[in-house]
Amino acid sequence: MGATELSLEVSADIAATVHPVEGVGVYEHAALVAQLGVFQQAYVPLQAREARPDAGSKLSNLFDTHAAATAIEEGRKLARDIGSGDPERMSPLKLAEYVRSACEEAGIAVEVLDDLATLQAEYPLLHAVARASIEVERHRPAVVRLVWSGSGKIERTVCIAGKGVTYDVGGADIKVGGSMAGMRRDKCGAAAAAGFILSCARAAPELTKGLKVVVELGCVRNSIGADAFVADEVISGHAGKRVLIGNTDAEGRLVLADVLSHLRSRVTAQPDVYPQPVLLSLATLTGHATRSFGPYACATDSGAARAAGGLAPRLAHAGARLGQPLEVSSLRREDFAFVAPGSRNTPVSAYGGTYDVLQCNNAPSAITTRGHQFPMAFLLVASGLEDHGAGSALPLPYCHIDLADSVADARGVETGSPILALFGYFLMRL
């Protein structure tokens, strides 16, 4: 209707409304959710704002805004800006600088690693994904490290790995039949991770007291060229595991494996600095998750996370109450068998002595049985987190969130998923 100033009123009766699945109580935060809905509709994509600086936002004022809504929306806006940026506007190095400019202003420590020799030595799987893009200077990879702490003594640590594939052509296993279009969204895991830490920094101090947030973003373009990595290669990752490549279009799990391994190393080396750590990975990882759950992200717990009471069901509970539903999936022993040496899931994977873990089979995930579950088994093995399972000397609860088709709303605008579920569970304690 063209209104730019709104006063939003939510009926008090809604709190008692019975949800057909969740029952009573799910609408407790209806006013907050309604405000976030207004903000989402008012969002103008970054490149539209840059092309027309006078465009700004469709909304000039929302009266009586909930404090949490403002903090959440600042993070979601950063996530949308990153996710909606085209492959050149949000190339790896430009993404890194955009995150730096947004986060340093909020008091978040930012480090950008873009030295190619360092990345090859410290993030060898990520570097392999980037090999074909390195000859184009503006497409070169970067890792962004973000750290922020709330007030008081740090009592809990949230570590998040974000997949920031700024464009995915599929690599040597190139995407065909129109499936390449829309792959600018393959960076939405990194976008959501950066948005979450910014929301934490902007949130009320009483919500973040004693909380430390550590984020690593693996920013890379999966291109095709003379130096592209190919199926059948064996590449040793940061955790020392020899990875057999099965499909170059399953590049996101390679990026995440190295990033997760660095987060694992950090928290195990300095437990006093990073107390009570939990680890998460955020990624648009598989078409299978979309086929399984439609427009909802899905969360899968490791054994250590299950033993600690479960991260995935708690995130789903919080998400339901903030208008960001998540599905809960489960990891099974056959998922580990799928990626084990000698699995026979690719033409050369029967030769198990040459590698420690299979990255992927050579069929689309959407037609592969348990196509979104077995990648998490790969992540656990390739990152070294398998050694920190339930019953180990140092369990590290880990939850993988596949954003699937949840990254955009009906208008095609990135939503910042699943920032609301993360904010609800870790800050609002829902």
Protein backbone atom coordinates (compact mmCIF):
# COMPACT_ATOMS: atom_id res chain seq x y z
CA MET A 1 0.00 0.00 0.00
CA GLY A 2 3.06 2.25 0.14
CA ALA A 3 3.05 2.96 3.88
CA THR A 4 6.52 3.81 5.23
CA GLU A 5 5.64 4.37 8.91
CA LEU A 6 3.82 1.65 10.79
CA SER A 7 2.39 1.06 14.22
CA LEU A 8 2.01 -2.66 14.78
CA GLU A 9 -0.48 -4.14 17.22
CA VAL A 10 -0.84 -7.85 17.90
CA SER A 11 -3.95 -9.20 19.58
CA ALA A 12 -3.38 -10.43 23.13
CA ASP A 13 -5.61 -13.40 22.34
CA ILE A 14 -3.03 -14.92 20.03
CA ALA A 15 -0.94 -16.17 22.96
CA ALA A 16 -3.71 -18.64 23.81
CA THR A 17 -4.16 -19.84 20.23
CA VAL A 18 -3.63 -23.57 19.79
CA HIS A 19 -1.11 -24.43 17.09
CA PRO A 20 -2.22 -27.55 15.15
CA VAL A 21 1.14 -29.26 15.80
CA GLU A 22 2.90 -27.47 18.65
CA GLY A 23 -0.14 -26.97 20.86
CA VAL A 24 -0.43 -24.01 23.27
CA GLY A 25 2.39 -21.54 23.92
CA VAL A 26 4.02 -21.41 20.51
CA TYR A 27 2.74 -17.85 19.87
CA GLU A 28 4.26 -16.37 23.02
CA HIS A 29 6.58 -14.18 20.96
CA ALA A 30 4.04 -13.23 18.30
CA ALA A 31 4.75 -9.49 18.58
CA LEU A 32 8.47 -10.03 18.01
CA VAL A 33 7.82 -12.37 15.08
CA ALA A 34 5.36 -9.90 13.52
CA GLN A 35 7.95 -7.11 13.70
CA LEU A 36 10.54 -9.34 12.07
CA GLY A 37 8.02 -10.11 9.34
CA VAL A 38 7.57 -6.41 8.67
CA PHE A 39 11.35 -5.92 8.51
CA GLN A 40 11.70 -8.81 6.09
CA GLN A 41 9.10 -7.37 3.72
CA ALA A 42 10.74 -3.94 3.96
CA TYR A 43 14.19 -5.24 3.00
CA VAL A 44 15.75 -3.85 -0.18
CA PRO A 45 18.61 -5.97 -1.59
CA LEU A 46 22.14 -4.58 -1.31
CA GLN A 47 22.76 -4.05 -5.01
CA ALA A 48 19.42 -2.29 -5.42
CA ARG A 49 20.39 0.07 -2.59
CA GLU A 50 23.81 0.66 -4.11
CA ALA A 51 22.35 1.34 -7.55
CA ARG A 52 19.82 3.76 -6.08
CA PRO A 53 21.11 5.19 -2.78
CA ASP A 54 17.80 7.00 -2.31
CA ALA A 55 15.97 3.66 -2.27
CA GLY A 56 17.10 2.83 1.28
CA SER A 57 14.40 0.79 2.97
CA LYS A 58 10.71 0.58 2.21
CA LEU A 59 10.17 1.37 5.89
CA SER A 60 11.18 4.63 7.57
CA ASN A 61 9.79 3.88 11.02
CA LEU A 62 8.25 1.01 12.97
CA PHE A 63 6.97 2.33 16.27
CA ASP A 64 7.61 0.58 19.61
CA THR A 65 10.11 -1.88 18.17
CA HIS A 66 11.10 -4.84 20.36
CA ALA A 67 14.81 -4.54 21.31
CA ALA A 68 15.51 -8.10 20.26
CA ALA A 69 13.89 -7.47 16.87
CA THR A 70 16.33 -4.66 16.14
CA ALA A 71 19.35 -6.80 17.03
CA ILE A 72 18.10 -9.81 15.09
CA GLU A 73 17.24 -7.73 12.06
CA GLU A 74 20.68 -6.14 11.88
CA GLY A 75 22.18 -9.62 11.64
CA ARG A 76 19.56 -10.80 9.17
CA LYS A 77 20.15 -7.74 7.00
CA LEU A 78 23.87 -8.55 6.85
CA ALA A 79 23.00 -12.14 5.96
CA ARG A 80 20.58 -11.04 3.23
CA ASP A 81 23.09 -8.58 1.81
CA ILE A 82 25.70 -11.32 1.53
CA GLY A 83 23.26 -13.92 0.21
CA SER A 84 21.63 -11.66 -2.37
CA GLY A 85 24.89 -10.21 -3.68
CA ASP A 86 25.74 -11.48 -7.15
CA PRO A 87 28.90 -13.56 -7.77
CA GLU A 88 31.03 -10.49 -8.51
CA ARG A 89 29.64 -8.15 -5.84
CA MET A 90 30.17 -10.87 -3.24
CA SER A 91 33.26 -12.59 -4.58
CA PRO A 92 35.29 -14.21 -1.76
CA LEU A 93 37.50 -11.19 -1.01
CA LYS A 94 34.64 -8.71 -1.34
CA LEU A 95 32.51 -10.85 0.97
CA ALA A 96 35.34 -10.85 3.49
CA GLU A 97 35.66 -7.07 3.38
CA TYR A 98 31.91 -6.56 3.65
CA VAL A 99 31.82 -8.73 6.75
CA ARG A 100 34.80 -6.87 8.18
CA SER A 101 33.20 -3.46 7.71
CA ALA A 102 29.89 -4.56 9.27
CA CYS A 103 31.35 -6.51 12.20
CA GLU A 104 34.31 -4.43 13.32
CA GLU A 105 31.97 -1.51 13.89
CA ALA A 106 30.03 -3.70 16.33
CA GLY A 107 33.13 -4.61 18.36
CA ILE A 108 33.69 -8.01 16.75
CA ALA A 109 37.32 -9.05 16.21
CA VAL A 110 37.87 -9.82 12.52
CA GLU A 111 40.79 -11.57 10.85
CA VAL A 112 40.92 -12.26 7.11
CA LEU A 113 43.30 -14.93 5.84
CA ASP A 114 43.91 -14.53 2.12
CA ASP A 115 47.56 -15.51 1.66
CA LEU A 116 47.47 -18.38 -0.81
CA ALA A 117 50.45 -20.24 0.66
CA THR A 118 48.90 -20.08 4.13
CA LEU A 119 45.54 -21.29 2.85
CA GLN A 120 47.15 -24.16 0.98
CA ALA A 121 49.04 -25.25 4.09
CA GLU A 122 46.31 -24.67 6.68
CA TYR A 123 43.12 -25.24 4.66
CA PRO A 124 44.19 -27.77 2.00
CA LEU A 125 40.68 -29.02 1.19
CA LEU A 126 39.33 -25.48 0.84
CA HIS A 127 42.35 -24.58 -1.29
CA ALA A 128 41.68 -27.55 -3.57
CA VAL A 129 38.15 -26.25 -4.21
CA ALA A 130 39.64 -22.85 -5.06
CA ARG A 131 42.37 -24.09 -7.40
CA ALA A 132 40.61 -23.22 -10.66
CA SER A 133 39.62 -19.77 -9.39
CA ILE A 134 43.04 -18.64 -8.16
CA GLU A 135 44.27 -17.45 -11.55
CA VAL A 136 41.49 -14.84 -11.50
CA GLU A 137 42.67 -12.47 -8.77
CA ARG A 138 39.24 -11.19 -7.77
CA HIS A 139 37.98 -14.77 -7.32
CA ARG A 140 40.73 -15.87 -4.94
CA PRO A 141 39.68 -17.51 -1.64
CA ALA A 142 39.72 -16.22 1.91
CA VAL A 143 38.90 -17.44 5.39
CA VAL A 144 37.22 -14.95 7.73
CA ARG A 145 37.65 -15.45 11.48
CA LEU A 146 35.26 -13.64 13.82
CA VAL A 147 35.34 -13.61 17.64
CA TRP A 148 33.05 -11.79 20.05
CA SER A 149 32.38 -12.08 23.79
CA GLY A 150 29.56 -10.88 26.01
CA SER A 151 30.09 -9.31 29.40
CA GLY A 152 31.28 -11.07 32.53
CA LYS A 153 33.09 -14.37 32.92
CA ILE A 154 32.81 -16.52 29.81
CA GLU A 155 30.89 -19.68 30.65
CA ARG A 156 29.83 -21.05 27.25
CA THR A 157 31.18 -20.97 23.71
CA VAL A 158 29.37 -21.26 20.40
CA CYS A 159 31.60 -22.09 17.41
CA ILE A 160 30.10 -21.85 13.92
CA ALA A 161 31.56 -22.88 10.56
CA GLY A 162 29.92 -21.20 7.58
CA LYS A 163 30.05 -22.39 3.97
CA GLY A 164 30.77 -19.34 1.83
CA VAL A 165 30.89 -20.69 -1.72
CA THR A 166 30.29 -17.43 -3.53
CA TYR A 167 29.45 -19.23 -6.75
CA ASP A 168 29.31 -22.92 -7.55
CA VAL A 169 29.60 -24.00 -11.16
CA GLY A 170 30.10 -27.57 -9.95
CA GLY A 171 33.80 -27.58 -10.78
CA ALA A 172 34.90 -30.35 -13.14
CA ASP A 173 31.56 -32.07 -12.44
CA ILE A 174 29.94 -29.02 -13.96
CA LYS A 175 26.29 -28.21 -13.32
CA VAL A 176 24.16 -28.63 -16.44
CA GLY A 177 20.54 -28.31 -17.53
CA GLY A 178 20.03 -24.92 -15.93
CA SER A 179 20.98 -26.07 -12.43
CA MET A 180 23.81 -23.54 -12.18
CA ALA A 181 21.44 -20.57 -12.00
CA GLY A 182 20.87 -19.42 -8.43
CA MET A 183 24.20 -20.70 -7.13
CA ARG A 184 25.00 -17.28 -5.69
CA ARG A 185 22.99 -18.62 -2.73
CA ASP A 186 25.68 -21.19 -1.99
CA LYS A 187 27.23 -18.65 0.39
CA CYS A 188 24.15 -18.40 2.61
CA GLY A 189 25.69 -20.59 5.32
CA ALA A 190 28.48 -18.08 5.77
CA ALA A 191 25.93 -15.28 5.49
CA ALA A 192 23.83 -16.69 8.34
CA ALA A 193 26.90 -17.33 10.52
CA ALA A 194 28.12 -13.74 10.07
CA GLY A 195 24.62 -12.44 10.68
CA PHE A 196 24.25 -14.42 13.90
CA ILE A 197 27.44 -13.09 15.48
CA LEU A 198 26.44 -9.54 14.51
CA SER A 199 23.02 -10.06 16.13
CA CYS A 200 24.78 -11.25 19.29
CA ALA A 201 26.96 -8.15 19.35
CA ARG A 202 23.90 -5.91 18.96
CA ALA A 203 21.73 -7.76 21.49
CA ALA A 204 20.94 -6.58 25.02
CA PRO A 205 23.86 -7.35 27.39
CA GLU A 206 21.68 -9.43 29.70
CA LEU A 207 21.04 -11.88 26.84
CA THR A 208 24.71 -12.38 26.00
CA LYS A 209 26.33 -12.36 29.43
CA GLY A 210 28.97 -15.09 29.68
CA LEU A 211 28.72 -16.03 25.98
CA LYS A 212 31.60 -16.25 23.50
CA VAL A 213 30.91 -16.68 19.79
CA VAL A 214 33.59 -17.89 17.38
CA VAL A 215 32.85 -17.98 13.65
CA GLU A 216 34.93 -19.10 10.69
CA LEU A 217 33.75 -18.49 7.14
CA GLY A 218 35.25 -20.46 4.28
CA CYS A 219 34.90 -18.12 1.29
CA VAL A 220 35.73 -19.65 -2.08
CA ARG A 221 34.48 -19.88 -5.64
CA ASN A 222 34.11 -23.36 -7.16
CA SER A 223 35.17 -22.68 -10.74
CA ILE A 224 36.27 -24.83 -13.63
CA GLY A 225 39.61 -24.52 -15.39
CA ALA A 226 42.90 -26.18 -16.21
CA ASP A 227 43.85 -26.49 -12.53
CA ALA A 228 40.45 -27.64 -11.25
CA PHE A 229 40.45 -30.48 -8.76
CA VAL A 230 38.80 -33.64 -10.06
CA ALA A 231 37.18 -36.84 -8.85
CA ASP A 232 39.59 -39.64 -7.82
CA GLU A 233 42.10 -37.23 -6.24
CA VAL A 234 43.20 -37.98 -2.67
CA ILE A 235 43.77 -34.80 -0.63
CA SER A 236 44.87 -34.63 3.01
CA GLY A 237 42.86 -32.10 5.02
CA HIS A 238 43.80 -30.00 8.04
CA ALA A 239 42.84 -32.84 10.39
CA GLY A 240 45.25 -35.17 8.60
CA LYS A 241 42.57 -37.36 7.04
CA ARG A 242 43.13 -38.49 3.44
CA VAL A 243 40.00 -37.57 1.51
CA LEU A 244 39.03 -39.36 -1.70
CA ILE A 245 37.17 -36.96 -3.97
CA GLY A 246 34.07 -38.49 -5.49
CA ASN A 247 32.33 -35.43 -6.97
CA THR A 248 33.64 -31.88 -7.29
CA ASP A 249 30.09 -30.56 -7.04
CA ALA A 250 30.09 -31.66 -3.39
CA GLU A 251 32.64 -28.98 -2.58
CA GLY A 252 30.90 -27.45 0.44
CA ARG A 253 31.72 -30.33 2.77
CA LEU A 254 35.40 -29.97 1.87
CA VAL A 255 35.35 -26.30 2.84
CA LEU A 256 33.53 -27.07 6.08
CA ALA A 257 35.83 -29.97 7.02
CA ASP A 258 38.90 -27.74 7.18
CA VAL A 259 37.07 -24.90 8.91
CA LEU A 260 35.58 -27.27 11.50
CA SER A 261 38.99 -28.81 12.07
CA HIS A 262 40.42 -25.39 12.89
CA LEU A 263 37.58 -24.68 15.32
CA ARG A 264 38.15 -28.10 16.93
CA SER A 265 41.86 -27.40 17.29
CA ARG A 266 41.21 -24.01 18.81
CA VAL A 267 38.81 -25.13 21.53
CA THR A 268 40.77 -28.24 22.47
CA ALA A 269 44.06 -26.33 22.72
CA GLN A 270 42.64 -23.63 25.03
CA PRO A 271 39.74 -25.04 27.04
CA ASP A 272 40.00 -22.21 29.58
CA VAL A 273 39.53 -19.63 26.84
CA TYR A 274 36.66 -21.52 25.17
CA PRO A 275 34.64 -23.13 27.99
CA GLN A 276 31.72 -25.49 27.33
CA PRO A 277 32.06 -25.38 23.53
CA VAL A 278 29.40 -26.49 21.08
CA LEU A 279 30.07 -26.55 17.35
CA LEU A 280 27.71 -25.96 14.45
CA SER A 281 28.07 -25.85 10.69
CA LEU A 282 25.73 -23.89 8.43
CA ALA A 283 25.55 -24.67 4.73
CA THR A 284 23.39 -24.98 1.66
CA LEU A 285 24.83 -28.46 1.37
CA THR A 286 22.47 -30.86 -0.43
CA GLY A 287 19.53 -31.05 -2.78
CA HIS A 288 18.47 -34.11 -0.81
CA ALA A 289 17.54 -31.94 2.19
CA THR A 290 15.31 -29.87 -0.07
CA ARG A 291 13.73 -33.01 -1.51
CA SER A 292 13.21 -34.36 2.01
CA PHE A 293 11.91 -31.28 3.81
CA GLY A 294 10.98 -28.65 1.23
CA PRO A 295 11.54 -25.03 2.35
CA TYR A 296 12.86 -25.89 5.82
CA ALA A 297 16.39 -26.17 7.11
CA CYS A 298 17.24 -29.44 8.85
CA ALA A 299 19.49 -29.98 11.86
CA THR A 300 21.41 -33.18 12.58
CA ASP A 301 23.19 -33.93 15.87
CA SER A 302 26.39 -35.84 16.41
CA GLY A 303 26.51 -38.55 19.05
CA ALA A 304 28.17 -36.12 21.46
CA ALA A 305 25.36 -33.61 20.90
CA ARG A 306 22.73 -36.29 21.48
CA ALA A 307 24.45 -37.37 24.70
CA ALA A 308 24.44 -33.73 25.88
CA GLY A 309 20.67 -33.54 25.50
CA GLY A 310 20.44 -32.64 21.82
CA LEU A 311 21.14 -29.37 20.02
CA ALA A 312 18.91 -30.09 17.02
CA PRO A 313 15.61 -30.56 18.93
CA ARG A 314 16.32 -27.49 21.06
CA LEU A 315 17.02 -25.39 17.99
CA ALA A 316 13.80 -26.70 16.44
CA HIS A 317 11.87 -25.76 19.58
CA ALA A 318 13.32 -22.24 19.59
CA GLY A 319 12.79 -21.84 15.86
CA ALA A 320 9.13 -22.80 16.10
CA ARG A 321 8.57 -20.04 18.65
CA LEU A 322 10.32 -17.39 16.56
CA GLY A 323 8.77 -18.23 13.22
CA GLN A 324 11.81 -20.12 11.90
CA PRO A 325 10.85 -23.83 11.87
CA LEU A 326 13.61 -26.42 11.55
CA GLU A 327 13.36 -30.12 10.81
CA VAL A 328 15.34 -32.61 12.88
CA SER A 329 17.24 -35.39 11.12
CA SER A 330 19.30 -38.29 12.51
CA LEU A 331 22.74 -39.73 11.88
CA ARG A 332 23.00 -43.53 11.57
CA ARG A 333 25.79 -46.09 11.40
CA GLU A 334 25.13 -46.68 7.69
CA ASP A 335 26.08 -43.04 7.04
CA PHE A 336 29.57 -43.78 8.33
CA ALA A 337 29.65 -47.01 6.32
CA PHE A 338 28.81 -44.99 3.18
CA VAL A 339 32.02 -42.92 3.46
CA ALA A 340 34.28 -45.60 4.97
CA PRO A 341 37.35 -46.83 3.05
CA GLY A 342 36.43 -49.58 0.61
CA SER A 343 32.79 -48.53 0.39
CA ARG A 344 32.51 -49.09 -3.39
CA ASN A 345 30.43 -45.94 -3.86
CA THR A 346 32.63 -44.66 -6.68
CA PRO A 347 34.56 -46.59 -9.35
CA VAL A 348 37.83 -46.32 -7.35
CA SER A 349 36.58 -46.26 -3.75
CA ALA A 350 37.01 -50.01 -3.34
CA TYR A 351 40.75 -49.41 -2.88
CA GLY A 352 40.39 -48.49 0.77
CA GLY A 353 44.07 -48.43 1.73
CA THR A 354 44.69 -45.26 -0.25
CA TYR A 355 42.33 -42.99 1.68
CA ASP A 356 40.64 -42.49 5.06
CA VAL A 357 37.23 -41.14 4.07
CA LEU A 358 35.17 -40.81 0.88
CA GLN A 359 33.91 -37.30 0.20
CA CYS A 360 30.89 -38.25 -1.90
CA ASN A 361 29.47 -40.72 -4.36
CA ASN A 362 29.16 -39.68 -8.01
CA ALA A 363 25.38 -39.31 -8.19
CA PRO A 364 23.19 -36.31 -7.28
CA SER A 365 22.35 -36.15 -3.58
CA ALA A 366 18.64 -35.83 -4.35
CA ILE A 367 18.56 -39.39 -5.74
CA THR A 368 20.99 -40.88 -3.21
CA THR A 369 19.59 -42.73 -0.22
CA ARG A 370 20.34 -40.71 2.94
CA GLY A 371 21.84 -38.03 0.71
CA HIS A 372 21.81 -35.31 3.38
CA GLN A 373 22.81 -37.54 6.32
CA PHE A 374 25.99 -39.21 5.09
CA PRO A 375 27.70 -35.83 4.40
CA MET A 376 27.63 -35.18 8.14
CA ALA A 377 29.38 -38.51 8.75
CA PHE A 378 32.02 -37.29 6.31
CA LEU A 379 32.32 -34.00 8.20
CA LEU A 380 32.80 -35.77 11.52
CA VAL A 381 35.59 -37.97 10.14
CA ALA A 382 37.34 -35.41 7.92
CA SER A 383 37.34 -32.67 10.59
CA GLY A 384 38.62 -34.89 13.40
CA LEU A 385 35.42 -34.40 15.41
CA GLU A 386 34.83 -38.16 15.27
CA ASP A 387 37.53 -38.43 17.95
CA HIS A 388 35.43 -36.21 20.26
CA GLY A 389 32.24 -38.22 20.30
CA ALA A 390 30.11 -39.37 23.22
CA GLY A 391 32.23 -41.31 25.69
CA SER A 392 35.54 -39.82 24.52
CA ALA A 393 37.93 -38.01 26.86
CA LEU A 394 36.77 -34.65 25.48
CA PRO A 395 33.30 -34.80 23.88
CA LEU A 396 32.48 -31.90 21.55
CA PRO A 397 28.74 -31.55 20.82
CA TYR A 398 28.28 -30.80 17.12
CA CYS A 399 25.20 -30.02 15.05
CA HIS A 400 25.12 -29.62 11.29
CA ILE A 401 22.37 -27.45 9.78
CA ASP A 402 21.62 -27.94 6.09
CA LEU A 403 19.86 -24.77 4.98
CA ALA A 404 18.41 -26.57 1.96
CA ASP A 405 15.70 -24.46 0.29
CA SER A 406 15.09 -22.31 3.39
CA VAL A 407 17.42 -19.51 2.30
CA ALA A 408 14.85 -17.52 0.32
CA ASP A 409 11.27 -16.41 0.79
CA ALA A 410 8.53 -16.41 -1.85
CA ARG A 411 10.03 -13.28 -3.43
CA GLY A 412 13.44 -14.94 -3.81
CA VAL A 413 14.90 -12.68 -1.12
CA GLU A 414 17.36 -14.33 1.25
CA THR A 415 15.91 -14.64 4.75
CA GLY A 416 18.99 -15.09 6.89
CA SER A 417 17.92 -18.60 7.93
CA PRO A 418 18.44 -19.95 10.58
CA ILE A 419 19.44 -16.91 12.62
CA LEU A 420 16.14 -16.85 14.51
CA ALA A 421 16.49 -20.41 15.78
CA LEU A 422 20.09 -19.77 16.87
CA PHE A 423 19.18 -16.50 18.55
CA GLY A 424 16.21 -18.06 20.29
CA TYR A 425 18.15 -20.98 21.72
CA PHE A 426 21.51 -19.46 22.61
CA LEU A 427 20.35 -16.01 23.71
CA MET A 428 16.67 -16.10 24.63
CA ARG A 429 17.05 -19.62 26.13
CA LEU A 430 13.86 -20.86 24.47
